[in-house]
Amino acid sequence: MRVIGICRFSYPALGGFKRMHDTVEDREAYLYAPERMELRFRHFETLTLPSIAGQRRKDFTFLVLIGDSLPKPYRDRLYDLTSGIEQIKIIESAPMRHRLAMQLAIKEELGDDKTESIQFRLDDDDAVGVNFIRSLRWFVKHTAAMRKRWRYMAIEFNHGFSVKLSDQGIMAEDVLTPFWACGLAVLFRPGDPRTVMNFAHHKLHHNMVTMINPTPYMYLRSKHDDNDSAANYNPGPMHPLTDKERALFKAQFNVDEDQVKAVFSAPPLHVG
């Protein structure tokens, strides 16, 4: 069985963003603006990467989709940050519809596609629990008998935290949510022409049987000024981490508040 995750990192897609642009050049100018890129890198480095690197099971692949126009300093920085995580593969693509680009990347990774696959998507500023891959595989193993006639099965972990990062540390809110992209995956039979990117994550339960586990904390979803889905994402009051939560974030997500403070305090990369 394959487990494949995918993340787009400032990929200049044709569509796929709430913010609209008239041309690819306009979109690239927006995406690659230094202040925005610094914000994305800081979240990626302190949330996404630690959670992927810290997975208790290592038998998965995590695809990071970027544009072939990503400026070299940012490309080099991304490759440097991910070089020590063998599960990560960076995929460079010309601009196209974002769902198509991600579908093609997943299909290419599946190759001859002769086994079941679990597929998930994750934004470049979010995190999943370090038991995420292990828990997905557990679900699949223990539902084998009941899902014999199902073409697909969605697996959702709907308990986590909304977070806001800064040089002061982490603000958080404990949340229980319906069908956010983080903490969600889909099981596919071998050779299926579809991928996780063929489905809107918030409507998965309209298309397939869904197994939901609300018990473990399984995601961190960040809130900041560049959230593309800001209109649909309004967390409630956040609070500084307690000592108990600080330990939980480290144990459950491999996210370290001291690292957050250090990264967010560092001067931005100069791109001239």
C-alpha atoms as a PDB file:
ATOM      1  CA  MET A   1       0.000   0.000   0.000  1.00  0.00           C
ATOM      2  CA  ARG A   2       1.246   3.461  -0.883  1.00  0.00           C
ATOM      3  CA  VAL A   3       0.695   6.570   1.233  1.00  0.00           C
ATOM      4  CA  ILE A   4       1.147   9.795  -0.712  1.00  0.00           C
ATOM      5  CA  GLY A   5       0.689  13.344   0.518  1.00  0.00           C
ATOM      6  CA  ILE A   6       0.853  16.468  -1.600  1.00  0.00           C
ATOM      7  CA  CYS A   7       1.426  20.142  -0.860  1.00  0.00           C
ATOM      8  CA  ARG A   8       1.662  23.117  -3.208  1.00  0.00           C
ATOM      9  CA  PHE A   9       4.294  25.645  -2.237  1.00  0.00           C
ATOM     10  CA  SER A  10       3.524  29.000  -3.878  1.00  0.00           C
ATOM     11  CA  TYR A  11       2.697  27.208  -7.116  1.00  0.00           C
ATOM     12  CA  PRO A  12       1.458  29.738  -9.743  1.00  0.00           C
ATOM     13  CA  ALA A  13      -1.638  27.798 -10.717  1.00  0.00           C
ATOM     14  CA  LEU A  14      -4.232  28.874 -13.237  1.00  0.00           C
ATOM     15  CA  GLY A  15      -7.094  29.313 -10.803  1.00  0.00           C
ATOM     16  CA  GLY A  16      -7.191  27.534  -7.469  1.00  0.00           C
ATOM     17  CA  PHE A  17      -6.864  30.667  -5.324  1.00  0.00           C
ATOM     18  CA  LYS A  18      -9.560  32.855  -3.833  1.00  0.00           C
ATOM     19  CA  ARG A  19      -7.458  35.850  -4.902  1.00  0.00           C
ATOM     20  CA  MET A  20      -7.779  36.255  -8.657  1.00  0.00           C
ATOM     21  CA  HIS A  21      -5.151  37.563 -11.099  1.00  0.00           C
ATOM     22  CA  ASP A  22      -5.466  38.449 -14.768  1.00  0.00           C
ATOM     23  CA  THR A  23      -2.227  36.811 -15.932  1.00  0.00           C
ATOM     24  CA  VAL A  24       0.303  34.211 -14.825  1.00  0.00           C
ATOM     25  CA  GLU A  25       2.840  37.021 -14.471  1.00  0.00           C
ATOM     26  CA  ASP A  26       0.531  38.884 -12.091  1.00  0.00           C
ATOM     27  CA  ARG A  27       0.078  35.735 -10.033  1.00  0.00           C
ATOM     28  CA  GLU A  28       3.808  35.063  -9.888  1.00  0.00           C
ATOM     29  CA  ALA A  29       4.458  38.662  -8.831  1.00  0.00           C
ATOM     30  CA  TYR A  30       1.971  38.220  -5.995  1.00  0.00           C
ATOM     31  CA  LEU A  31       3.183  34.766  -4.933  1.00  0.00           C
ATOM     32  CA  TYR A  32       6.901  35.549  -5.091  1.00  0.00           C
ATOM     33  CA  ALA A  33       6.750  38.903  -3.307  1.00  0.00           C
ATOM     34  CA  PRO A  34       9.521  38.820  -0.658  1.00  0.00           C
ATOM     35  CA  GLU A  35       7.305  39.523   2.361  1.00  0.00           C
ATOM     36  CA  ARG A  36       4.830  36.828   1.346  1.00  0.00           C
ATOM     37  CA  MET A  37       7.542  34.254   0.623  1.00  0.00           C
ATOM     38  CA  GLU A  38       9.154  34.906   3.992  1.00  0.00           C
ATOM     39  CA  LEU A  39       5.815  34.325   5.705  1.00  0.00           C
ATOM     40  CA  ARG A  40       5.273  31.052   3.826  1.00  0.00           C
ATOM     41  CA  PHE A  41       8.798  29.786   4.477  1.00  0.00           C
ATOM     42  CA  ARG A  42       8.564  30.521   8.185  1.00  0.00           C
ATOM     43  CA  HIS A  43       5.322  28.569   8.539  1.00  0.00           C
ATOM     44  CA  PHE A  44       6.575  25.747   6.324  1.00  0.00           C
ATOM     45  CA  GLU A  45       9.799  25.448   8.329  1.00  0.00           C
ATOM     46  CA  THR A  46       8.182  25.462  11.762  1.00  0.00           C
ATOM     47  CA  LEU A  47       4.888  23.628  11.143  1.00  0.00           C
ATOM     48  CA  THR A  48       4.763  21.521   7.996  1.00  0.00           C
ATOM     49  CA  LEU A  49       8.318  20.202   7.853  1.00  0.00           C
ATOM     50  CA  PRO A  50       8.667  19.172  11.525  1.00  0.00           C
ATOM     51  CA  SER A  51       5.386  17.281  11.367  1.00  0.00           C
ATOM     52  CA  ILE A  52       6.405  15.440   8.196  1.00  0.00           C
ATOM     53  CA  ALA A  53       9.933  14.716   9.447  1.00  0.00           C
ATOM     54  CA  GLY A  54       8.562  13.474  12.773  1.00  0.00           C
ATOM     55  CA  GLN A  55       6.188  10.826  11.398  1.00  0.00           C
ATOM     56  CA  ARG A  56       6.467   7.643  13.449  1.00  0.00           C
ATOM     57  CA  ARG A  57       6.033   5.559  10.282  1.00  0.00           C
ATOM     58  CA  LYS A  58       8.371   6.472   7.471  1.00  0.00           C
ATOM     59  CA  ASP A  59       6.782   4.505   4.616  1.00  0.00           C
ATOM     60  CA  PHE A  60       5.142   7.376   2.737  1.00  0.00           C
ATOM     61  CA  THR A  61       5.930  10.019   0.142  1.00  0.00           C
ATOM     62  CA  PHE A  62       5.254  13.735   0.485  1.00  0.00           C
ATOM     63  CA  LEU A  63       5.190  15.689  -2.777  1.00  0.00           C
ATOM     64  CA  VAL A  64       5.859  19.430  -2.749  1.00  0.00           C
ATOM     65  CA  LEU A  65       4.639  21.133  -5.930  1.00  0.00           C
ATOM     66  CA  ILE A  66       6.399  24.334  -7.011  1.00  0.00           C
ATOM     67  CA  GLY A  67       6.434  26.439 -10.152  1.00  0.00           C
ATOM     68  CA  ASP A  68       9.315  26.099 -12.573  1.00  0.00           C
ATOM     69  CA  SER A  69       9.541  29.891 -12.327  1.00  0.00           C
ATOM     70  CA  LEU A  70      10.272  29.938  -8.574  1.00  0.00           C
ATOM     71  CA  PRO A  71      13.228  32.327  -8.168  1.00  0.00           C
ATOM     72  CA  LYS A  72      16.508  30.535  -7.524  1.00  0.00           C
ATOM     73  CA  PRO A  73      17.100  31.856  -3.983  1.00  0.00           C
ATOM     74  CA  TYR A  74      13.714  30.469  -2.930  1.00  0.00           C
ATOM     75  CA  ARG A  75      14.242  27.212  -4.830  1.00  0.00           C
ATOM     76  CA  ASP A  76      17.635  26.744  -3.187  1.00  0.00           C
ATOM     77  CA  ARG A  77      16.200  27.536   0.227  1.00  0.00           C
ATOM     78  CA  LEU A  78      13.389  25.017  -0.245  1.00  0.00           C
ATOM     79  CA  TYR A  79      15.734  22.259  -1.384  1.00  0.00           C
ATOM     80  CA  ASP A  80      18.065  23.003   1.553  1.00  0.00           C
ATOM     81  CA  LEU A  81      15.230  22.859   4.093  1.00  0.00           C
ATOM     82  CA  THR A  82      13.885  19.551   2.776  1.00  0.00           C
ATOM     83  CA  SER A  83      17.162  17.813   1.934  1.00  0.00           C
ATOM     84  CA  GLY A  84      17.272  15.824   5.165  1.00  0.00           C
ATOM     85  CA  ILE A  85      13.740  14.417   4.847  1.00  0.00           C
ATOM     86  CA  GLU A  86      13.876  11.442   2.485  1.00  0.00           C
ATOM     87  CA  GLN A  87      10.092  11.187   2.162  1.00  0.00           C
ATOM     88  CA  ILE A  88       9.876  14.597   0.442  1.00  0.00           C
ATOM     89  CA  LYS A  89      10.004  14.945  -3.334  1.00  0.00           C
ATOM     90  CA  ILE A  90       9.907  18.405  -4.894  1.00  0.00           C
ATOM     91  CA  ILE A  91       7.997  18.525  -8.176  1.00  0.00           C
ATOM     92  CA  GLU A  92       8.601  21.476 -10.503  1.00  0.00           C
ATOM     93  CA  SER A  93       5.810  22.267 -12.945  1.00  0.00           C
ATOM     94  CA  ALA A  94       4.820  24.908 -15.456  1.00  0.00           C
ATOM     95  CA  PRO A  95       1.601  26.800 -14.620  1.00  0.00           C
ATOM     96  CA  MET A  96      -1.621  24.849 -15.177  1.00  0.00           C
ATOM     97  CA  ARG A  97      -4.882  24.305 -13.319  1.00  0.00           C
ATOM     98  CA  HIS A  98      -3.838  23.521  -9.782  1.00  0.00           C
ATOM     99  CA  ARG A  99      -5.978  20.398  -9.411  1.00  0.00           C
ATOM    100  CA  LEU A 100      -4.663  19.013 -12.697  1.00  0.00           C
ATOM    101  CA  ALA A 101      -1.051  19.738 -11.738  1.00  0.00           C
ATOM    102  CA  MET A 102      -1.492  17.972  -8.412  1.00  0.00           C
ATOM    103  CA  GLN A 103      -3.372  15.049  -9.961  1.00  0.00           C
ATOM    104  CA  LEU A 104      -0.571  14.548 -12.493  1.00  0.00           C
ATOM    105  CA  ALA A 105       2.058  14.669  -9.739  1.00  0.00           C
ATOM    106  CA  ILE A 106       0.227  12.004  -7.718  1.00  0.00           C
ATOM    107  CA  LYS A 107      -0.330   9.794 -10.760  1.00  0.00           C
ATOM    108  CA  GLU A 108       3.332  10.059 -11.727  1.00  0.00           C
ATOM    109  CA  GLU A 109       4.338   9.032  -8.214  1.00  0.00           C
ATOM    110  CA  LEU A 110       1.912   6.073  -8.249  1.00  0.00           C
ATOM    111  CA  GLY A 111       3.549   4.694 -11.389  1.00  0.00           C
ATOM    112  CA  ASP A 112       1.979   1.377 -12.416  1.00  0.00           C
ATOM    113  CA  ASP A 113      -0.544   1.801  -9.552  1.00  0.00           C
ATOM    114  CA  LYS A 114      -0.982  -1.877  -8.661  1.00  0.00           C
ATOM    115  CA  THR A 115      -1.747  -1.474  -4.978  1.00  0.00           C
ATOM    116  CA  GLU A 116      -4.144   0.483  -2.818  1.00  0.00           C
ATOM    117  CA  SER A 117      -3.116   4.040  -2.015  1.00  0.00           C
ATOM    118  CA  ILE A 118      -3.948   6.463   0.745  1.00  0.00           C
ATOM    119  CA  GLN A 119      -3.727  10.058  -0.469  1.00  0.00           C
ATOM    120  CA  PHE A 120      -3.842  13.300   1.479  1.00  0.00           C
ATOM    121  CA  ARG A 121      -3.277  16.986   0.881  1.00  0.00           C
ATOM    122  CA  LEU A 122      -1.722  19.504   3.237  1.00  0.00           C
ATOM    123  CA  ASP A 123      -1.232  23.245   2.972  1.00  0.00           C
ATOM    124  CA  ASP A 124       2.305  24.607   3.296  1.00  0.00           C
ATOM    125  CA  ASP A 125       1.443  26.390   6.538  1.00  0.00           C
ATOM    126  CA  ASP A 126      -0.270  23.538   8.409  1.00  0.00           C
ATOM    127  CA  ALA A 127       0.858  20.430  10.285  1.00  0.00           C
ATOM    128  CA  VAL A 128      -0.359  16.898  10.984  1.00  0.00           C
ATOM    129  CA  GLY A 129       0.225  14.738  14.021  1.00  0.00           C
ATOM    130  CA  VAL A 130       3.326  12.542  14.036  1.00  0.00           C
ATOM    131  CA  ASN A 131       1.032   9.497  14.223  1.00  0.00           C
ATOM    132  CA  PHE A 132      -0.909  10.527  11.113  1.00  0.00           C
ATOM    133  CA  ILE A 133       0.617   7.992   8.682  1.00  0.00           C
ATOM    134  CA  ARG A 134       0.492   5.214  11.269  1.00  0.00           C
ATOM    135  CA  SER A 135      -3.143   6.009  12.083  1.00  0.00           C
ATOM    136  CA  LEU A 136      -4.167   6.030   8.417  1.00  0.00           C
ATOM    137  CA  ARG A 137      -2.619   2.598   7.919  1.00  0.00           C
ATOM    138  CA  TRP A 138      -4.343   1.329  11.081  1.00  0.00           C
ATOM    139  CA  PHE A 139      -7.721   2.492   9.769  1.00  0.00           C
ATOM    140  CA  VAL A 140      -7.194   0.757   6.439  1.00  0.00           C
ATOM    141  CA  LYS A 141      -6.082  -2.511   8.061  1.00  0.00           C
ATOM    142  CA  HIS A 142      -9.008  -2.650  10.461  1.00  0.00           C
ATOM    143  CA  THR A 143     -11.737  -1.778   7.946  1.00  0.00           C
ATOM    144  CA  ALA A 144     -10.771  -4.352   5.303  1.00  0.00           C
ATOM    145  CA  ALA A 145     -13.854  -6.535   5.748  1.00  0.00           C
ATOM    146  CA  MET A 146     -16.447  -3.781   5.876  1.00  0.00           C
ATOM    147  CA  ARG A 147     -15.176  -1.809   2.853  1.00  0.00           C
ATOM    148  CA  LYS A 148     -14.994  -4.640   0.313  1.00  0.00           C
ATOM    149  CA  ARG A 149     -17.767  -3.091  -1.796  1.00  0.00           C
ATOM    150  CA  TRP A 150     -16.714   0.540  -1.388  1.00  0.00           C
ATOM    151  CA  ARG A 151     -14.853   2.231  -4.213  1.00  0.00           C
ATOM    152  CA  TYR A 152     -13.472   4.924  -1.891  1.00  0.00           C
ATOM    153  CA  MET A 153     -13.219   5.554   1.818  1.00  0.00           C
ATOM    154  CA  ALA A 154     -12.400   8.863   3.448  1.00  0.00           C
ATOM    155  CA  ILE A 155     -10.622   8.949   6.805  1.00  0.00           C
ATOM    156  CA  GLU A 156     -10.934  12.075   8.904  1.00  0.00           C
ATOM    157  CA  PHE A 157      -9.301  13.191  12.118  1.00  0.00           C
ATOM    158  CA  ASN A 158     -11.318  16.283  12.979  1.00  0.00           C
ATOM    159  CA  HIS A 159      -9.712  17.393  16.246  1.00  0.00           C
ATOM    160  CA  GLY A 160      -6.814  19.838  16.330  1.00  0.00           C
ATOM    161  CA  PHE A 161      -5.789  23.433  16.923  1.00  0.00           C
ATOM    162  CA  SER A 162      -6.006  26.727  15.123  1.00  0.00           C
ATOM    163  CA  VAL A 163      -2.689  28.489  15.641  1.00  0.00           C
ATOM    164  CA  LYS A 164      -1.077  31.850  15.063  1.00  0.00           C
ATOM    165  CA  LEU A 165       2.719  32.094  14.992  1.00  0.00           C
ATOM    166  CA  SER A 166       4.969  35.064  15.697  1.00  0.00           C
ATOM    167  CA  ASP A 167       8.296  35.984  17.274  1.00  0.00           C
ATOM    168  CA  GLN A 168       6.424  35.828  20.583  1.00  0.00           C
ATOM    169  CA  GLY A 169       5.582  32.158  20.102  1.00  0.00           C
ATOM    170  CA  ILE A 170       2.319  30.324  19.434  1.00  0.00           C
ATOM    171  CA  MET A 171      -1.257  31.337  20.099  1.00  0.00           C
ATOM    172  CA  ALA A 172      -3.764  28.493  19.880  1.00  0.00           C
ATOM    173  CA  GLU A 173      -7.380  27.438  20.056  1.00  0.00           C
ATOM    174  CA  ASP A 174      -8.595  23.853  20.531  1.00  0.00           C
ATOM    175  CA  VAL A 175     -11.061  23.087  17.681  1.00  0.00           C
ATOM    176  CA  LEU A 176     -13.294  20.284  16.413  1.00  0.00           C
ATOM    177  CA  THR A 177     -14.058  20.895  12.742  1.00  0.00           C
ATOM    178  CA  PRO A 178     -15.858  19.391   9.721  1.00  0.00           C
ATOM    179  CA  PHE A 179     -13.776  18.170   6.764  1.00  0.00           C
ATOM    180  CA  TRP A 180     -10.856  20.543   6.761  1.00  0.00           C
ATOM    181  CA  ALA A 181      -8.105  19.452   4.359  1.00  0.00           C
ATOM    182  CA  CYS A 182      -5.608  18.864   7.173  1.00  0.00           C
ATOM    183  CA  GLY A 183      -6.149  15.565   8.997  1.00  0.00           C
ATOM    184  CA  LEU A 184      -8.089  14.090   6.070  1.00  0.00           C
ATOM    185  CA  ALA A 185      -7.220  11.322   3.577  1.00  0.00           C
ATOM    186  CA  VAL A 186      -8.853   9.108   0.950  1.00  0.00           C
ATOM    187  CA  LEU A 187      -8.245   5.429   0.219  1.00  0.00           C
ATOM    188  CA  PHE A 188      -8.154   4.440  -3.483  1.00  0.00           C
ATOM    189  CA  ARG A 189      -8.235   1.046  -5.162  1.00  0.00           C
ATOM    190  CA  PRO A 190      -5.431   0.167  -7.596  1.00  0.00           C
ATOM    191  CA  GLY A 191      -5.743   1.785 -11.008  1.00  0.00           C
ATOM    192  CA  ASP A 192      -8.469   4.248 -10.084  1.00  0.00           C
ATOM    193  CA  PRO A 193      -8.340   7.220 -12.476  1.00  0.00           C
ATOM    194  CA  ARG A 194      -9.137   9.697  -9.717  1.00  0.00           C
ATOM    195  CA  THR A 195      -6.983  11.126  -6.940  1.00  0.00           C
ATOM    196  CA  VAL A 196      -7.637  13.024  -3.727  1.00  0.00           C
ATOM    197  CA  MET A 197      -7.470  16.198  -5.831  1.00  0.00           C
ATOM    198  CA  ASN A 198     -10.593  15.172  -7.780  1.00  0.00           C
ATOM    199  CA  PHE A 199     -12.711  15.841  -4.713  1.00  0.00           C
ATOM    200  CA  ALA A 200     -13.520  18.982  -2.760  1.00  0.00           C
ATOM    201  CA  HIS A 201     -12.367  18.148   0.766  1.00  0.00           C
ATOM    202  CA  HIS A 202     -15.380  19.812   2.414  1.00  0.00           C
ATOM    203  CA  LYS A 203     -17.763  17.612   0.375  1.00  0.00           C
ATOM    204  CA  LEU A 204     -16.037  14.244   0.634  1.00  0.00           C
ATOM    205  CA  HIS A 205     -18.861  12.867   2.755  1.00  0.00           C
ATOM    206  CA  HIS A 206     -21.235  13.569  -0.162  1.00  0.00           C
ATOM    207  CA  ASN A 207     -19.290  11.130  -2.346  1.00  0.00           C
ATOM    208  CA  MET A 208     -18.061   8.300  -0.160  1.00  0.00           C
ATOM    209  CA  VAL A 209     -18.253   6.520   3.161  1.00  0.00           C
ATOM    210  CA  THR A 210     -16.274   8.438   5.768  1.00  0.00           C
ATOM    211  CA  MET A 211     -14.676   7.150   8.940  1.00  0.00           C
ATOM    212  CA  ILE A 212     -14.191   9.876  11.555  1.00  0.00           C
ATOM    213  CA  ASN A 213     -12.027   9.777  14.678  1.00  0.00           C
ATOM    214  CA  PRO A 214     -12.469  12.845  16.910  1.00  0.00           C
ATOM    215  CA  THR A 215     -10.236  11.600  19.723  1.00  0.00           C
ATOM    216  CA  PRO A 216      -6.579  12.425  18.935  1.00  0.00           C
ATOM    217  CA  TYR A 217      -5.214  15.870  18.204  1.00  0.00           C
ATOM    218  CA  MET A 218      -4.183  15.424  14.572  1.00  0.00           C
ATOM    219  CA  TYR A 219      -3.643  18.826  12.944  1.00  0.00           C
ATOM    220  CA  LEU A 220      -2.510  22.402  13.389  1.00  0.00           C
ATOM    221  CA  ARG A 221      -4.054  24.937  11.046  1.00  0.00           C
ATOM    222  CA  SER A 222      -2.389  28.324  10.945  1.00  0.00           C
ATOM    223  CA  LYS A 223      -4.081  31.692  10.766  1.00  0.00           C
ATOM    224  CA  HIS A 224      -2.233  34.675   9.286  1.00  0.00           C
ATOM    225  CA  ASP A 225      -2.662  37.599   6.899  1.00  0.00           C
ATOM    226  CA  ASP A 226      -1.980  35.514   3.779  1.00  0.00           C
ATOM    227  CA  ASN A 227      -4.574  32.775   4.338  1.00  0.00           C
ATOM    228  CA  ASP A 228      -6.183  32.243   0.942  1.00  0.00           C
ATOM    229  CA  SER A 229      -9.294  30.906   2.635  1.00  0.00           C
ATOM    230  CA  ALA A 230      -9.488  33.732   5.157  1.00  0.00           C
ATOM    231  CA  ALA A 231     -13.147  34.418   4.396  1.00  0.00           C
ATOM    232  CA  ASN A 232     -14.027  30.866   5.469  1.00  0.00           C
ATOM    233  CA  TYR A 233     -11.635  30.593   8.378  1.00  0.00           C
ATOM    234  CA  ASN A 234     -12.464  32.593  11.479  1.00  0.00           C
ATOM    235  CA  PRO A 235     -11.080  30.907  14.579  1.00  0.00           C
ATOM    236  CA  GLY A 236     -12.315  31.995  17.938  1.00  0.00           C
ATOM    237  CA  PRO A 237     -10.246  33.626  20.687  1.00  0.00           C
ATOM    238  CA  MET A 238      -6.710  32.273  20.875  1.00  0.00           C
ATOM    239  CA  HIS A 239      -4.506  32.022  23.953  1.00  0.00           C
ATOM    240  CA  PRO A 240      -0.761  31.589  24.558  1.00  0.00           C
ATOM    241  CA  LEU A 241       0.270  27.969  24.946  1.00  0.00           C
ATOM    242  CA  THR A 242       0.154  26.561  28.429  1.00  0.00           C
ATOM    243  CA  ASP A 243       3.052  24.392  29.589  1.00  0.00           C
ATOM    244  CA  LYS A 244       0.873  21.331  28.992  1.00  0.00           C
ATOM    245  CA  GLU A 245       0.022  22.442  25.443  1.00  0.00           C
ATOM    246  CA  ARG A 246       3.646  23.304  24.725  1.00  0.00           C
ATOM    247  CA  ALA A 247       4.613  19.734  25.632  1.00  0.00           C
ATOM    248  CA  LEU A 248       1.689  18.371  23.621  1.00  0.00           C
ATOM    249  CA  PHE A 249       2.700  20.325  20.500  1.00  0.00           C
ATOM    250  CA  LYS A 250       6.221  18.903  20.740  1.00  0.00           C
ATOM    251  CA  ALA A 251       5.118  15.327  21.384  1.00  0.00           C
ATOM    252  CA  GLN A 252       2.147  15.224  19.029  1.00  0.00           C
ATOM    253  CA  PHE A 253       3.324  17.444  16.138  1.00  0.00           C
ATOM    254  CA  ASN A 254       7.101  17.808  16.581  1.00  0.00           C
ATOM    255  CA  VAL A 255       6.443  21.561  16.708  1.00  0.00           C
ATOM    256  CA  ASP A 256       8.716  23.503  19.059  1.00  0.00           C
ATOM    257  CA  GLU A 257       7.679  26.942  20.290  1.00  0.00           C
ATOM    258  CA  ASP A 258      11.313  27.969  20.807  1.00  0.00           C
ATOM    259  CA  GLN A 259      12.013  27.208  17.143  1.00  0.00           C
ATOM    260  CA  VAL A 260       8.979  29.282  16.152  1.00  0.00           C
ATOM    261  CA  LYS A 261      10.310  32.238  18.141  1.00  0.00           C
ATOM    262  CA  ALA A 262      13.785  31.893  16.627  1.00  0.00           C
ATOM    263  CA  VAL A 263      12.606  31.535  13.008  1.00  0.00           C
ATOM    264  CA  PHE A 264      10.117  34.381  13.244  1.00  0.00           C
ATOM    265  CA  SER A 265      12.735  36.615  14.874  1.00  0.00           C
ATOM    266  CA  ALA A 266      15.369  35.974  12.199  1.00  0.00           C
ATOM    267  CA  PRO A 267      15.956  38.645   9.530  1.00  0.00           C
ATOM    268  CA  PRO A 268      14.289  37.858   6.202  1.00  0.00           C
ATOM    269  CA  LEU A 269      16.263  36.392   3.319  1.00  0.00           C
ATOM    270  CA  HIS A 270      17.377  39.147   0.984  1.00  0.00           C
ATOM    271  CA  VAL A 271      16.453  38.416  -2.626  1.00  0.00           C
ATOM    272  CA  GLY A 272      17.977  40.947  -5.006  1.00  0.00           C
END
